[in-house]
Protein backbone atom coordinates (compact mmCIF):
# COMPACT_ATOMS: atom_id res chain seq x y z
CA MET A 1 82.05 119.37 -15.54
CA ILE A 2 81.41 118.16 -19.07
CA HIS A 3 80.61 120.83 -21.65
CA MET A 4 77.75 119.61 -23.80
CA THR A 5 75.74 120.80 -26.75
CA PRO A 6 72.09 121.13 -25.71
CA LEU A 7 69.99 118.01 -26.17
CA PRO A 8 66.79 118.69 -28.16
CA ASN A 9 63.61 119.17 -26.15
CA SER A 10 60.48 117.09 -26.74
CA ARG A 11 58.30 118.34 -29.55
CA THR A 12 56.15 117.33 -32.49
CA GLU A 13 57.68 118.34 -35.82
CA PRO A 14 55.69 119.93 -38.71
CA ASP A 15 56.03 116.65 -40.65
CA GLY A 16 54.31 114.78 -37.81
CA SER A 17 57.46 113.12 -36.46
CA ALA A 18 58.00 113.19 -32.69
CA VAL A 19 61.18 114.21 -30.87
CA ILE A 20 61.23 112.46 -27.50
CA ARG A 21 63.60 112.10 -24.58
CA VAL A 22 64.14 108.59 -23.21
CA LEU A 23 65.98 107.94 -19.94
CA GLY A 24 67.33 104.53 -18.91
CA TYR A 25 68.03 104.22 -15.16
CA ASN A 26 68.78 101.47 -12.65
CA ILE A 27 67.36 102.93 -9.41
CA ARG A 28 68.48 100.14 -7.01
CA SER A 29 64.98 99.59 -5.53
CA MET A 30 64.94 103.22 -4.34
CA ARG A 31 67.21 102.27 -1.43
CA ASP A 32 69.27 105.45 -1.74
CA ASP A 33 68.42 109.17 -1.76
CA THR A 34 64.98 109.28 -3.42
CA ALA A 35 64.85 113.09 -3.36
CA ALA A 36 68.12 113.20 -5.34
CA LEU A 37 66.70 110.57 -7.70
CA ALA A 38 63.57 112.64 -8.33
CA ARG A 39 65.69 115.76 -8.98
CA VAL A 40 67.75 113.90 -11.61
CA LEU A 41 64.60 112.58 -13.30
CA THR A 42 62.99 116.04 -13.31
CA ALA A 43 66.09 117.77 -14.72
CA CYS A 44 66.35 115.25 -17.58
CA ALA A 45 62.75 116.08 -18.62
CA PRO A 46 62.10 112.62 -20.08
CA ASP A 47 59.01 111.51 -21.98
CA LEU A 48 59.79 107.91 -21.07
CA VAL A 49 61.89 106.40 -18.28
CA LEU A 50 63.07 102.81 -18.68
CA VAL A 51 63.58 101.80 -15.05
CA GLN A 52 65.54 98.82 -13.73
CA GLU A 53 65.40 97.57 -10.14
CA ALA A 54 62.11 99.26 -9.39
CA PRO A 55 60.84 98.25 -5.93
CA ILE A 56 59.22 94.78 -6.08
CA PHE A 57 58.43 94.03 -2.44
CA PHE A 58 56.33 95.66 0.29
CA ARG A 59 54.10 98.44 -1.10
CA TRP A 60 56.15 98.61 -4.29
CA ARG A 61 53.35 100.19 -6.34
CA LYS A 62 53.03 103.08 -3.89
CA LYS A 63 56.80 103.68 -3.83
CA LEU A 64 57.07 103.75 -7.63
CA ALA A 65 53.99 105.99 -7.98
CA ARG A 66 55.45 108.41 -5.42
CA LEU A 67 58.72 108.66 -7.38
CA ALA A 68 56.82 109.22 -10.63
CA ALA A 69 54.66 111.93 -9.09
CA ALA A 70 57.71 113.69 -7.61
CA SER A 71 59.22 113.76 -11.10
CA GLY A 72 56.10 114.92 -12.97
CA LEU A 73 55.56 111.46 -14.47
CA VAL A 74 53.15 108.54 -14.19
CA VAL A 75 53.76 104.79 -13.94
CA LEU A 76 53.04 103.17 -17.29
CA THR A 77 53.78 99.51 -16.46
CA GLY A 78 56.14 97.12 -14.70
CA GLY A 79 57.71 96.90 -11.26
CA GLY A 80 56.89 93.81 -9.26
CA THR A 81 54.88 92.32 -12.13
CA ALA A 82 57.98 92.38 -14.38
CA ALA A 83 60.47 91.36 -11.64
CA GLY A 84 62.04 94.84 -11.54
CA PRO A 85 61.91 96.61 -14.92
CA ALA A 86 59.31 99.38 -15.20
CA ILE A 87 58.35 102.20 -17.55
CA LEU A 88 57.37 105.72 -16.47
CA CYS A 89 55.99 108.27 -18.90
CA SER A 90 55.01 111.91 -19.21
CA LEU A 91 51.40 112.95 -19.73
CA ARG A 92 52.32 113.56 -23.37
CA ALA A 93 52.10 109.80 -23.98
CA THR A 94 48.92 107.96 -24.92
CA VAL A 95 49.16 104.33 -23.88
CA GLU A 96 47.76 101.78 -26.33
CA ARG A 97 48.66 98.64 -24.42
CA THR A 98 51.12 97.24 -21.86
CA GLU A 99 52.49 93.79 -21.12
CA ASP A 100 54.86 92.60 -18.42
CA VAL A 101 56.79 89.45 -19.34
CA LEU A 102 58.56 87.10 -16.92
CA LEU A 103 61.54 85.36 -18.52
CA PRO A 104 62.40 81.68 -17.89
CA LEU A 105 63.94 81.21 -14.47
CA THR A 106 67.38 79.59 -14.26
CA PRO A 107 67.85 77.76 -10.91
CA GLY A 108 70.09 79.77 -8.62
CA GLN A 109 69.63 83.02 -10.60
CA HIS A 110 67.35 86.01 -10.03
CA ARG A 111 64.01 86.05 -11.79
CA ARG A 112 64.17 88.49 -14.72
CA GLY A 113 61.47 90.13 -16.78
CA LEU A 114 60.62 92.73 -19.40
CA ALA A 115 58.29 95.71 -19.06
CA THR A 116 56.77 96.52 -22.46
CA ALA A 117 54.25 98.97 -23.89
CA VAL A 118 52.97 100.40 -27.15
CA VAL A 119 52.52 104.18 -26.91
CA ARG A 120 51.54 107.11 -29.11
CA PHE A 121 52.98 110.64 -29.13
CA ALA A 122 50.70 112.76 -31.32
CA GLY A 123 50.58 110.81 -34.60
CA VAL A 124 53.58 108.59 -33.86
CA ARG A 125 53.16 105.03 -32.55
CA PHE A 126 56.01 102.87 -31.27
CA GLY A 127 57.01 100.09 -28.88
CA VAL A 128 58.94 100.53 -25.63
CA LEU A 129 60.80 97.91 -23.59
CA SER A 130 62.75 98.05 -20.32
CA CYS A 131 65.08 95.19 -19.36
CA HIS A 132 67.62 94.10 -16.75
CA LEU A 133 69.67 91.20 -18.08
CA SER A 134 71.26 88.37 -16.12
CA LEU A 135 74.65 88.45 -14.44
CA GLU A 136 75.30 84.98 -15.91
CA ARG A 137 76.78 85.08 -19.42
CA ARG A 138 74.82 82.28 -21.13
CA GLU A 139 71.50 83.23 -19.57
CA ARG A 140 72.13 86.87 -20.52
CA HIS A 141 72.76 85.92 -24.17
CA ALA A 142 69.51 83.94 -24.29
CA GLN A 143 67.63 86.87 -22.75
CA GLY A 144 69.06 89.20 -25.43
CA GLY A 145 67.50 86.95 -28.06
CA MET A 146 64.16 86.95 -26.21
CA LEU A 147 64.28 90.76 -26.07
CA LEU A 148 64.76 90.99 -29.86
CA ASP A 149 61.98 88.43 -30.44
CA ARG A 150 59.64 90.39 -28.17
CA LEU A 151 60.31 93.66 -30.03
CA ALA A 152 59.77 91.92 -33.38
CA GLY A 153 56.43 90.58 -32.17
CA MET A 154 55.02 93.89 -30.91
CA GLY A 155 53.42 94.80 -34.24
CA VAL A 156 55.10 98.20 -34.48
CA GLU A 157 57.41 99.69 -37.09
CA HIS A 158 59.54 101.57 -34.56
CA ALA A 159 60.66 100.60 -31.05
CA ILE A 160 62.97 101.67 -28.24
CA ALA A 161 64.58 99.31 -25.72
CA GLY A 162 66.90 100.04 -22.87
CA GLY A 163 68.24 98.88 -19.60
CA ASP A 164 71.00 97.47 -17.47
CA LEU A 165 72.71 94.86 -19.66
CA ASN A 166 75.27 93.77 -17.04
CA GLU A 167 77.73 93.69 -19.95
CA ARG A 168 80.08 96.05 -21.75
CA PRO A 169 79.78 96.93 -25.47
CA ASP A 170 82.45 94.35 -26.44
CA GLY A 171 80.40 91.50 -24.92
CA PRO A 172 78.41 89.03 -27.07
CA THR A 173 74.95 89.99 -25.80
CA PHE A 174 75.55 93.75 -26.16
CA ALA A 175 76.89 93.08 -29.67
CA ARG A 176 73.83 90.95 -30.50
CA LEU A 177 71.50 93.81 -29.52
CA ALA A 178 73.64 96.41 -31.31
CA THR A 179 73.48 94.33 -34.51
CA GLY A 180 69.69 94.06 -34.53
CA LEU A 181 69.16 97.60 -33.23
CA GLN A 182 70.98 100.94 -33.06
CA ASP A 183 73.09 101.45 -29.94
CA CYS A 184 72.09 105.08 -29.42
CA ARG A 185 75.32 106.06 -27.66
CA THR A 186 77.39 104.83 -30.63
CA ALA A 187 75.01 106.43 -33.15
CA ALA A 188 75.17 109.93 -31.62
CA PRO A 189 77.53 110.31 -28.64
CA TRP A 190 76.58 113.06 -26.20
CA GLY A 191 77.39 113.66 -22.54
CA ALA A 192 79.51 111.15 -20.68
CA GLU A 193 80.01 107.49 -21.58
CA HIS A 194 80.47 105.29 -18.50
CA THR A 195 77.45 104.34 -16.38
CA PHE A 196 78.80 102.25 -13.48
CA PRO A 197 79.59 102.57 -10.65
CA ALA A 198 78.09 106.00 -10.03
CA THR A 199 80.84 107.05 -7.61
CA ALA A 200 83.72 106.36 -10.06
CA PRO A 201 82.30 105.18 -13.39
CA ASP A 202 84.70 103.07 -15.46
CA ARG A 203 82.39 100.98 -17.70
CA ARG A 204 79.29 101.26 -19.86
CA ILE A 205 76.80 98.52 -18.95
CA ASP A 206 73.56 100.51 -19.36
CA ALA A 207 72.24 101.46 -22.80
CA VAL A 208 69.34 102.69 -24.89
CA PHE A 209 68.66 101.04 -28.26
CA ALA A 210 66.33 101.98 -31.11
CA THR A 211 65.14 100.27 -34.27
CA LYS A 212 66.84 101.32 -37.50
CA GLY A 213 64.22 103.84 -38.66
CA VAL A 214 64.54 106.02 -35.54
CA GLU A 215 66.91 109.01 -35.78
CA VAL A 216 69.23 109.32 -32.78
CA LEU A 217 69.91 112.99 -31.95
CA GLY A 218 72.15 112.39 -28.93
CA CYS A 219 72.72 109.82 -26.17
CA GLY A 220 74.83 109.55 -23.04
CA VAL A 221 75.09 110.14 -19.32
CA PRO A 222 73.61 113.59 -18.56
CA ALA A 223 76.44 114.67 -16.23
CA GLY A 224 76.65 118.43 -16.71
CA LEU A 225 73.07 118.83 -17.91
CA PRO A 226 71.53 121.91 -16.23
CA GLY A 227 69.91 120.82 -12.97
CA VAL A 228 71.79 117.50 -12.81
CA THR A 229 74.47 117.73 -10.12
CA GLU A 230 77.30 115.30 -9.49
CA SER A 231 76.25 115.01 -5.86
CA ASP A 232 72.70 114.02 -6.87
CA LEU A 233 73.98 111.47 -9.40
CA ARG A 234 76.16 109.85 -6.73
CA ALA A 235 73.45 109.93 -4.06
CA ALA A 236 70.50 108.74 -6.18
CA THR A 237 71.62 105.16 -6.94
CA ASP A 238 74.71 103.10 -7.85
CA HIS A 239 74.25 103.50 -11.64
CA LEU A 240 74.31 106.64 -13.77
CA PRO A 241 71.36 107.28 -16.09
CA VAL A 242 71.48 107.22 -19.90
CA LEU A 243 69.52 109.98 -21.65
CA ALA A 244 68.68 109.80 -25.36
CA ALA A 245 66.92 112.26 -27.66
CA LEU A 246 65.25 110.47 -30.56
CA ARG A 247 63.21 111.49 -33.57
CA ILE A 248 60.55 108.93 -34.47
CA PRO A 249 59.05 109.23 -37.96
CA ALA A 250 55.32 109.76 -38.41
């Protein structure tokens, strides 16, 4: 069990800034223990969930909506329309707009996409993006550039991006993202570090990033968070989630 300082809860500050919790999570198409998955989501109390490998085939919308409802959340965007990435949100969010983006397809590789949205929390407005980058090194690096371009074109001052990068922090694509954005885990380490595989994690390939003006209050794998059990984390999917608490200026 990892002893952790408490992660701040969601709130609106007197100065109008918003403290939010963002969870990044590869849920492996909900092929594992969905009750355990819903318990992990609920215990993390996120305002936003950046999902990878949401269901994309038969009745995928219903499956994703059922998971959101079981976790006290709603589906914001993504899933099949983004080739896997999705965004869930709490009822605290007001959605301004959403867009699912399919990335160029490399022959022989999986189709990849981005789930994106612009949301408001009280008086704070910001962009959100969920991604699952390629297993192939060159394609992954190109997709990292497309992710940064997409964030830059969203017309927002602040943004959060996260997902399964299929690469460790010392890789070129991870480094490219961490140069343009803050790697939240590096900015404010909290909880555990490694995200894969869930049964015996030995690497960090999942991350949450934020633009420079966002204050990172803590970020890491919520092993040891009250309500999050090791058995649920192992049963829910093959990745561990990344939970970040962020303060976004008004």
